[in-house]
Amino acid sequence: MIWEANEVGAVRKDFKRIVHPEVGILELHCQMLLDFDQSQALLVFTAIPGSESYGKLQLLSVIGDQRASPS
């Protein structure tokens, strides 16, 4: 089993505030999975469904990296 082999570190959970230039402050849960052998970390950011940050993430999935062009 992978856990018995100690190939993967424990999952850490944390709360982060990120300021995005288009939608402002995002309040997100951050989960971190560590691979000590490869010195890598995978961060997964999620928002609480129905929250303001959740709506902002949905908006970002629609607008992507588009920028409003100056008039």
PDB file of N, CA and C in Angstrom:
ATOM      1  N   MET A   1       0.842  -1.176   0.000  1.00  0.00           N
ATOM      2  CA  MET A   1       0.000   0.000   0.000  1.00  0.00           C
ATOM      3  C   MET A   1       0.891   1.244   0.000  1.00  0.00           C
ATOM      4  N   ILE A   2       0.480   2.281  -0.733  1.00  0.00           N
ATOM      5  CA  ILE A   2       1.310   3.482  -0.909  1.00  0.00           C
ATOM      6  C   ILE A   2       1.599   4.199   0.418  1.00  0.00           C
ATOM      7  N   TRP A   3       0.619   4.224   1.340  1.00  0.00           N
ATOM      8  CA  TRP A   3       0.849   4.918   2.610  1.00  0.00           C
ATOM      9  C   TRP A   3       1.891   4.192   3.453  1.00  0.00           C
ATOM     10  N   GLU A   4       1.872   2.868   3.401  1.00  0.00           N
ATOM     11  CA  GLU A   4       2.845   2.086   4.159  1.00  0.00           C
ATOM     12  C   GLU A   4       4.256   2.282   3.624  1.00  0.00           C
ATOM     13  N   ALA A   5       4.370   2.574   2.330  1.00  0.00           N
ATOM     14  CA  ALA A   5       5.682   2.795   1.724  1.00  0.00           C
ATOM     15  C   ALA A   5       6.200   4.201   1.993  1.00  0.00           C
ATOM     16  N   ASN A   6       5.373   5.057   2.599  1.00  0.00           N
ATOM     17  CA  ASN A   6       5.740   6.452   2.900  1.00  0.00           C
ATOM     18  C   ASN A   6       6.167   7.226   1.661  1.00  0.00           C
ATOM     19  N   GLU A   7       5.503   6.963   0.530  1.00  0.00           N
ATOM     20  CA  GLU A   7       5.840   7.645  -0.706  1.00  0.00           C
ATOM     21  C   GLU A   7       5.137   8.992  -0.843  1.00  0.00           C
ATOM     22  N   VAL A   8       4.120   9.216  -0.039  1.00  0.00           N
ATOM     23  CA  VAL A   8       3.341  10.452  -0.129  1.00  0.00           C
ATOM     24  C   VAL A   8       3.211  11.052   1.257  1.00  0.00           C
ATOM     25  N   GLY A   9       3.396  12.376   1.346  1.00  0.00           N
ATOM     26  CA  GLY A   9       3.270  13.057   2.625  1.00  0.00           C
ATOM     27  C   GLY A   9       1.817  13.272   3.005  1.00  0.00           C
ATOM     28  N   ALA A  10       1.596  13.685   4.214  1.00  0.00           N
ATOM     29  CA  ALA A  10       0.248  13.939   4.708  1.00  0.00           C
ATOM     30  C   ALA A  10      -0.367  15.139   3.996  1.00  0.00           C
ATOM     31  N   VAL A  11      -1.674  15.098   3.861  1.00  0.00           N
ATOM     32  CA  VAL A  11      -2.391  16.218   3.261  1.00  0.00           C
ATOM     33  C   VAL A  11      -2.534  17.305   4.316  1.00  0.00           C
ATOM     34  N   ARG A  12      -2.181  18.510   3.956  1.00  0.00           N
ATOM     35  CA  ARG A  12      -2.340  19.654   4.857  1.00  0.00           C
ATOM     36  C   ARG A  12      -3.477  20.512   4.343  1.00  0.00           C
ATOM     37  N   LYS A  13      -4.253  21.073   5.260  1.00  0.00           N
ATOM     38  CA  LYS A  13      -5.328  21.982   4.874  1.00  0.00           C
ATOM     39  C   LYS A  13      -5.055  23.333   5.500  1.00  0.00           C
ATOM     40  N   ASP A  14      -5.365  24.369   4.763  1.00  0.00           N
ATOM     41  CA  ASP A  14      -5.124  25.724   5.230  1.00  0.00           C
ATOM     42  C   ASP A  14      -6.122  26.644   4.540  1.00  0.00           C
ATOM     43  N   PHE A  15      -6.217  27.865   4.997  1.00  0.00           N
ATOM     44  CA  PHE A  15      -7.104  28.874   4.444  1.00  0.00           C
ATOM     45  C   PHE A  15      -6.241  29.994   3.869  1.00  0.00           C
ATOM     46  N   LYS A  16      -6.524  30.406   2.660  1.00  0.00           N
ATOM     47  CA  LYS A  16      -5.726  31.447   2.003  1.00  0.00           C
ATOM     48  C   LYS A  16      -6.624  32.554   1.470  1.00  0.00           C
ATOM     49  N   ARG A  17      -6.112  33.759   1.479  1.00  0.00           N
ATOM     50  CA  ARG A  17      -6.742  34.903   0.816  1.00  0.00           C
ATOM     51  C   ARG A  17      -5.834  35.304  -0.328  1.00  0.00           C
ATOM     52  N   ILE A  18      -6.397  35.321  -1.533  1.00  0.00           N
ATOM     53  CA  ILE A  18      -5.636  35.656  -2.723  1.00  0.00           C
ATOM     54  C   ILE A  18      -6.312  36.835  -3.394  1.00  0.00           C
ATOM     55  N   VAL A  19      -5.509  37.827  -3.791  1.00  0.00           N
ATOM     56  CA  VAL A  19      -6.051  38.986  -4.494  1.00  0.00           C
ATOM     57  C   VAL A  19      -5.832  38.780  -5.985  1.00  0.00           C
ATOM     58  N   HIS A  20      -6.937  38.666  -6.708  1.00  0.00           N
ATOM     59  CA  HIS A  20      -6.876  38.486  -8.156  1.00  0.00           C
ATOM     60  C   HIS A  20      -7.131  39.844  -8.808  1.00  0.00           C
ATOM     61  N   PRO A  21      -6.376  40.210  -9.855  1.00  0.00           N
ATOM     62  CA  PRO A  21      -6.515  41.533 -10.466  1.00  0.00           C
ATOM     63  C   PRO A  21      -7.883  41.799 -11.103  1.00  0.00           C
ATOM     64  N   GLU A  22      -8.612  40.760 -11.488  1.00  0.00           N
ATOM     65  CA  GLU A  22      -9.900  40.944 -12.149  1.00  0.00           C
ATOM     66  C   GLU A  22     -11.088  40.877 -11.192  1.00  0.00           C
ATOM     67  N   VAL A  23     -11.051  39.967 -10.225  1.00  0.00           N
ATOM     68  CA  VAL A  23     -12.229  39.748  -9.383  1.00  0.00           C
ATOM     69  C   VAL A  23     -12.029  40.134  -7.921  1.00  0.00           C
ATOM     70  N   GLY A  24     -10.823  40.524  -7.544  1.00  0.00           N
ATOM     71  CA  GLY A  24     -10.577  40.955  -6.170  1.00  0.00           C
ATOM     72  C   GLY A  24     -10.185  39.801  -5.259  1.00  0.00           C
ATOM     73  N   ILE A  25     -10.599  39.888  -4.003  1.00  0.00           N
ATOM     74  CA  ILE A  25     -10.176  38.929  -2.985  1.00  0.00           C
ATOM     75  C   ILE A  25     -10.938  37.615  -3.125  1.00  0.00           C
ATOM     76  N   LEU A  26     -10.173  36.529  -3.115  1.00  0.00           N
ATOM     77  CA  LEU A  26     -10.724  35.178  -3.105  1.00  0.00           C
ATOM     78  C   LEU A  26     -10.334  34.526  -1.786  1.00  0.00           C
ATOM     79  N   GLU A  27     -11.316  34.010  -1.075  1.00  0.00           N
ATOM     80  CA  GLU A  27     -11.060  33.287   0.170  1.00  0.00           C
ATOM     81  C   GLU A  27     -11.186  31.802  -0.141  1.00  0.00           C
ATOM     82  N   LEU A  28     -10.057  31.095  -0.086  1.00  0.00           N
ATOM     83  CA  LEU A  28     -10.003  29.723  -0.570  1.00  0.00           C
ATOM     84  C   LEU A  28      -9.403  28.770   0.455  1.00  0.00           C
ATOM     85  N   HIS A  29      -9.872  27.541   0.406  1.00  0.00           N
ATOM     86  CA  HIS A  29      -9.243  26.470   1.175  1.00  0.00           C
ATOM     87  C   HIS A  29      -8.099  25.941   0.330  1.00  0.00           C
ATOM     88  N   CYS A  30      -6.985  25.679   0.971  1.00  0.00           N
ATOM     89  CA  CYS A  30      -5.804  25.165   0.268  1.00  0.00           C
ATOM     90  C   CYS A  30      -5.438  23.813   0.863  1.00  0.00           C
ATOM     91  N   GLN A  31      -5.341  22.818  -0.009  1.00  0.00           N
ATOM     92  CA  GLN A  31      -4.869  21.507   0.404  1.00  0.00           C
ATOM     93  C   GLN A  31      -3.521  21.268  -0.266  1.00  0.00           C
ATOM     94  N   MET A  32      -2.577  20.740   0.504  1.00  0.00           N
ATOM     95  CA  MET A  32      -1.240  20.497  -0.018  1.00  0.00           C
ATOM     96  C   MET A  32      -0.901  19.019   0.125  1.00  0.00           C
ATOM     97  N   LEU A  33      -0.456  18.427  -0.971  1.00  0.00           N
ATOM     98  CA  LEU A  33       0.010  17.046  -0.964  1.00  0.00           C
ATOM     99  C   LEU A  33       1.493  17.079  -1.293  1.00  0.00           C
ATOM    100  N   LEU A  34       2.298  16.494  -0.415  1.00  0.00           N
ATOM    101  CA  LEU A  34       3.754  16.550  -0.562  1.00  0.00           C
ATOM    102  C   LEU A  34       4.319  15.217  -1.032  1.00  0.00           C
ATOM    103  N   ASP A  35       5.278  15.292  -1.938  1.00  0.00           N
ATOM    104  CA  ASP A  35       6.056  14.128  -2.363  1.00  0.00           C
ATOM    105  C   ASP A  35       7.501  14.433  -1.978  1.00  0.00           C
ATOM    106  N   PHE A  36       7.933  13.890  -0.867  1.00  0.00           N
ATOM    107  CA  PHE A  36       9.258  14.210  -0.340  1.00  0.00           C
ATOM    108  C   PHE A  36      10.386  13.687  -1.224  1.00  0.00           C
ATOM    109  N   ASP A  37      10.170  12.536  -1.864  1.00  0.00           N
ATOM    110  CA  ASP A  37      11.218  11.970  -2.717  1.00  0.00           C
ATOM    111  C   ASP A  37      11.520  12.863  -3.910  1.00  0.00           C
ATOM    112  N   GLN A  38      10.503  13.509  -4.462  1.00  0.00           N
ATOM    113  CA  GLN A  38      10.678  14.357  -5.637  1.00  0.00           C
ATOM    114  C   GLN A  38      10.760  15.845  -5.277  1.00  0.00           C
ATOM    115  N   SER A  39      10.649  16.174  -4.001  1.00  0.00           N
ATOM    116  CA  SER A  39      10.646  17.564  -3.533  1.00  0.00           C
ATOM    117  C   SER A  39       9.598  18.392  -4.278  1.00  0.00           C
ATOM    118  N   GLN A  40       8.382  17.828  -4.360  1.00  0.00           N
ATOM    119  CA  GLN A  40       7.291  18.501  -5.048  1.00  0.00           C
ATOM    120  C   GLN A  40       6.096  18.634  -4.119  1.00  0.00           C
ATOM    121  N   ALA A  41       5.284  19.659  -4.392  1.00  0.00           N
ATOM    122  CA  ALA A  41       4.036  19.853  -3.659  1.00  0.00           C
ATOM    123  C   ALA A  41       2.933  20.175  -4.658  1.00  0.00           C
ATOM    124  N   LEU A  42       1.764  19.603  -4.434  1.00  0.00           N
ATOM    125  CA  LEU A  42       0.595  19.890  -5.240  1.00  0.00           C
ATOM    126  C   LEU A  42      -0.367  20.687  -4.371  1.00  0.00           C
ATOM    127  N   LEU A  43      -0.715  21.891  -4.802  1.00  0.00           N
ATOM    128  CA  LEU A  43      -1.658  22.732  -4.076  1.00  0.00           C
ATOM    129  C   LEU A  43      -2.995  22.718  -4.805  1.00  0.00           C
ATOM    130  N   VAL A  44      -4.073  22.495  -4.058  1.00  0.00           N
ATOM    131  CA  VAL A  44      -5.422  22.498  -4.616  1.00  0.00           C
ATOM    132  C   VAL A  44      -6.215  23.564  -3.879  1.00  0.00           C
ATOM    133  N   PHE A  45      -6.720  24.545  -4.628  1.00  0.00           N
ATOM    134  CA  PHE A  45      -7.491  25.631  -4.053  1.00  0.00           C
ATOM    135  C   PHE A  45      -8.964  25.450  -4.389  1.00  0.00           C
ATOM    136  N   THR A  46      -9.830  25.512  -3.375  1.00  0.00           N
ATOM    137  CA  THR A  46     -11.266  25.391  -3.580  1.00  0.00           C
ATOM    138  C   THR A  46     -11.993  26.430  -2.743  1.00  0.00           C
ATOM    139  N   ALA A  47     -13.197  26.775  -3.192  1.00  0.00           N
ATOM    140  CA  ALA A  47     -14.038  27.704  -2.454  1.00  0.00           C
ATOM    141  C   ALA A  47     -15.279  26.964  -1.966  1.00  0.00           C
ATOM    142  N   ILE A  48     -15.886  27.469  -0.923  1.00  0.00           N
ATOM    143  CA  ILE A  48     -17.112  26.871  -0.394  1.00  0.00           C
ATOM    144  C   ILE A  48     -18.242  27.128  -1.399  1.00  0.00           C
ATOM    145  N   PRO A  49     -18.929  26.056  -1.844  1.00  0.00           N
ATOM    146  CA  PRO A  49     -20.034  26.254  -2.795  1.00  0.00           C
ATOM    147  C   PRO A  49     -21.061  27.252  -2.263  1.00  0.00           C
ATOM    148  N   GLY A  50     -21.473  28.166  -3.130  1.00  0.00           N
ATOM    149  CA  GLY A  50     -22.445  29.190  -2.754  1.00  0.00           C
ATOM    150  C   GLY A  50     -21.827  30.451  -2.179  1.00  0.00           C
ATOM    151  N   SER A  51     -20.533  30.424  -1.874  1.00  0.00           N
ATOM    152  CA  SER A  51     -19.877  31.604  -1.306  1.00  0.00           C
ATOM    153  C   SER A  51     -19.561  32.622  -2.410  1.00  0.00           C
ATOM    154  N   GLU A  52     -19.222  33.827  -1.999  1.00  0.00           N
ATOM    155  CA  GLU A  52     -18.831  34.866  -2.949  1.00  0.00           C
ATOM    156  C   GLU A  52     -17.594  34.432  -3.749  1.00  0.00           C
ATOM    157  N   SER A  53     -16.646  33.818  -3.074  1.00  0.00           N
ATOM    158  CA  SER A  53     -15.435  33.357  -3.754  1.00  0.00           C
ATOM    159  C   SER A  53     -15.753  32.259  -4.769  1.00  0.00           C
ATOM    160  N   TYR A  54     -16.719  31.412  -4.462  1.00  0.00           N
ATOM    161  CA  TYR A  54     -17.130  30.372  -5.397  1.00  0.00           C
ATOM    162  C   TYR A  54     -17.669  31.011  -6.681  1.00  0.00           C
ATOM    163  N   GLY A  55     -18.495  32.034  -6.534  1.00  0.00           N
ATOM    164  CA  GLY A  55     -19.016  32.755  -7.691  1.00  0.00           C
ATOM    165  C   GLY A  55     -17.917  33.415  -8.501  1.00  0.00           C
ATOM    166  N   LYS A  56     -16.924  33.962  -7.815  1.00  0.00           N
ATOM    167  CA  LYS A  56     -15.802  34.601  -8.504  1.00  0.00           C
ATOM    168  C   LYS A  56     -14.987  33.572  -9.294  1.00  0.00           C
ATOM    169  N   LEU A  57     -14.797  32.381  -8.728  1.00  0.00           N
ATOM    170  CA  LEU A  57     -14.075  31.334  -9.453  1.00  0.00           C
ATOM    171  C   LEU A  57     -14.850  30.898 -10.697  1.00  0.00           C
ATOM    172  N   GLN A  58     -16.175  30.829 -10.580  1.00  0.00           N
ATOM    173  CA  GLN A  58     -16.991  30.489 -11.746  1.00  0.00           C
ATOM    174  C   GLN A  58     -16.855  31.565 -12.817  1.00  0.00           C
ATOM    175  N   LEU A  59     -16.845  32.825 -12.417  1.00  0.00           N
ATOM    176  CA  LEU A  59     -16.662  33.927 -13.360  1.00  0.00           C
ATOM    177  C   LEU A  59     -15.306  33.819 -14.048  1.00  0.00           C
ATOM    178  N   LEU A  60     -14.269  33.507 -13.290  1.00  0.00           N
ATOM    179  CA  LEU A  60     -12.933  33.364 -13.879  1.00  0.00           C
ATOM    180  C   LEU A  60     -12.874  32.217 -14.881  1.00  0.00           C
ATOM    181  N   SER A  61     -13.644  31.160 -14.642  1.00  0.00           N
ATOM    182  CA  SER A  61     -13.638  30.046 -15.590  1.00  0.00           C
ATOM    183  C   SER A  61     -14.264  30.453 -16.917  1.00  0.00           C
ATOM    184  N   VAL A  62     -15.114  31.483 -16.899  1.00  0.00           N
ATOM    185  CA  VAL A  62     -15.748  31.974 -18.122  1.00  0.00           C
ATOM    186  C   VAL A  62     -14.862  32.992 -18.835  1.00  0.00           C
ATOM    187  N   ILE A  63     -14.328  33.954 -18.064  1.00  0.00           N
ATOM    188  CA  ILE A  63     -13.543  35.015 -18.711  1.00  0.00           C
ATOM    189  C   ILE A  63     -12.109  34.596 -18.985  1.00  0.00           C
ATOM    190  N   GLY A  64     -11.611  33.585 -18.267  1.00  0.00           N
ATOM    191  CA  GLY A  64     -10.242  33.101 -18.476  1.00  0.00           C
ATOM    192  C   GLY A  64      -9.232  34.211 -18.365  1.00  0.00           C
ATOM    193  N   ASP A  65      -8.327  34.276 -19.304  1.00  0.00           N
ATOM    194  CA  ASP A  65      -7.276  35.307 -19.260  1.00  0.00           C
ATOM    195  C   ASP A  65      -7.572  36.471 -20.192  1.00  0.00           C
ATOM    196  N   GLN A  66      -8.851  36.619 -20.577  1.00  0.00           N
ATOM    197  CA  GLN A  66      -9.231  37.747 -21.446  1.00  0.00           C
ATOM    198  C   GLN A  66      -9.082  39.048 -20.671  1.00  0.00           C
ATOM    199  N   ARG A  67      -8.652  40.052 -21.332  1.00  0.00           N
ATOM    200  CA  ARG A  67      -8.527  41.387 -20.736  1.00  0.00           C
ATOM    201  C   ARG A  67      -9.424  42.336 -21.516  1.00  0.00           C
ATOM    202  N   ALA A  68     -10.021  43.254 -20.808  1.00  0.00           N
ATOM    203  CA  ALA A  68     -10.841  44.261 -21.489  1.00  0.00           C
ATOM    204  C   ALA A  68      -9.909  45.179 -22.277  1.00  0.00           C
ATOM    205  N   SER A  69     -10.213  45.392 -23.540  1.00  0.00           N
ATOM    206  CA  SER A  69      -9.366  46.273 -24.349  1.00  0.00           C
ATOM    207  C   SER A  69      -9.767  47.725 -24.124  1.00  0.00           C
ATOM    208  N   PRO A  70      -8.784  48.629 -24.067  1.00  0.00           N
ATOM    209  CA  PRO A  70      -9.073  50.048 -23.828  1.00  0.00           C
ATOM    210  C   PRO A  70      -9.889  50.636 -24.982  1.00  0.00           C
ATOM    211  N   SER A  71     -10.759  51.558 -24.638  1.00  0.00           N
ATOM    212  CA  SER A  71     -11.615  52.196 -25.662  1.00  0.00           C
ATOM    213  C   SER A  71     -10.892  53.241 -26.443  1.00  0.00           C
TER     214      SER A  71
END
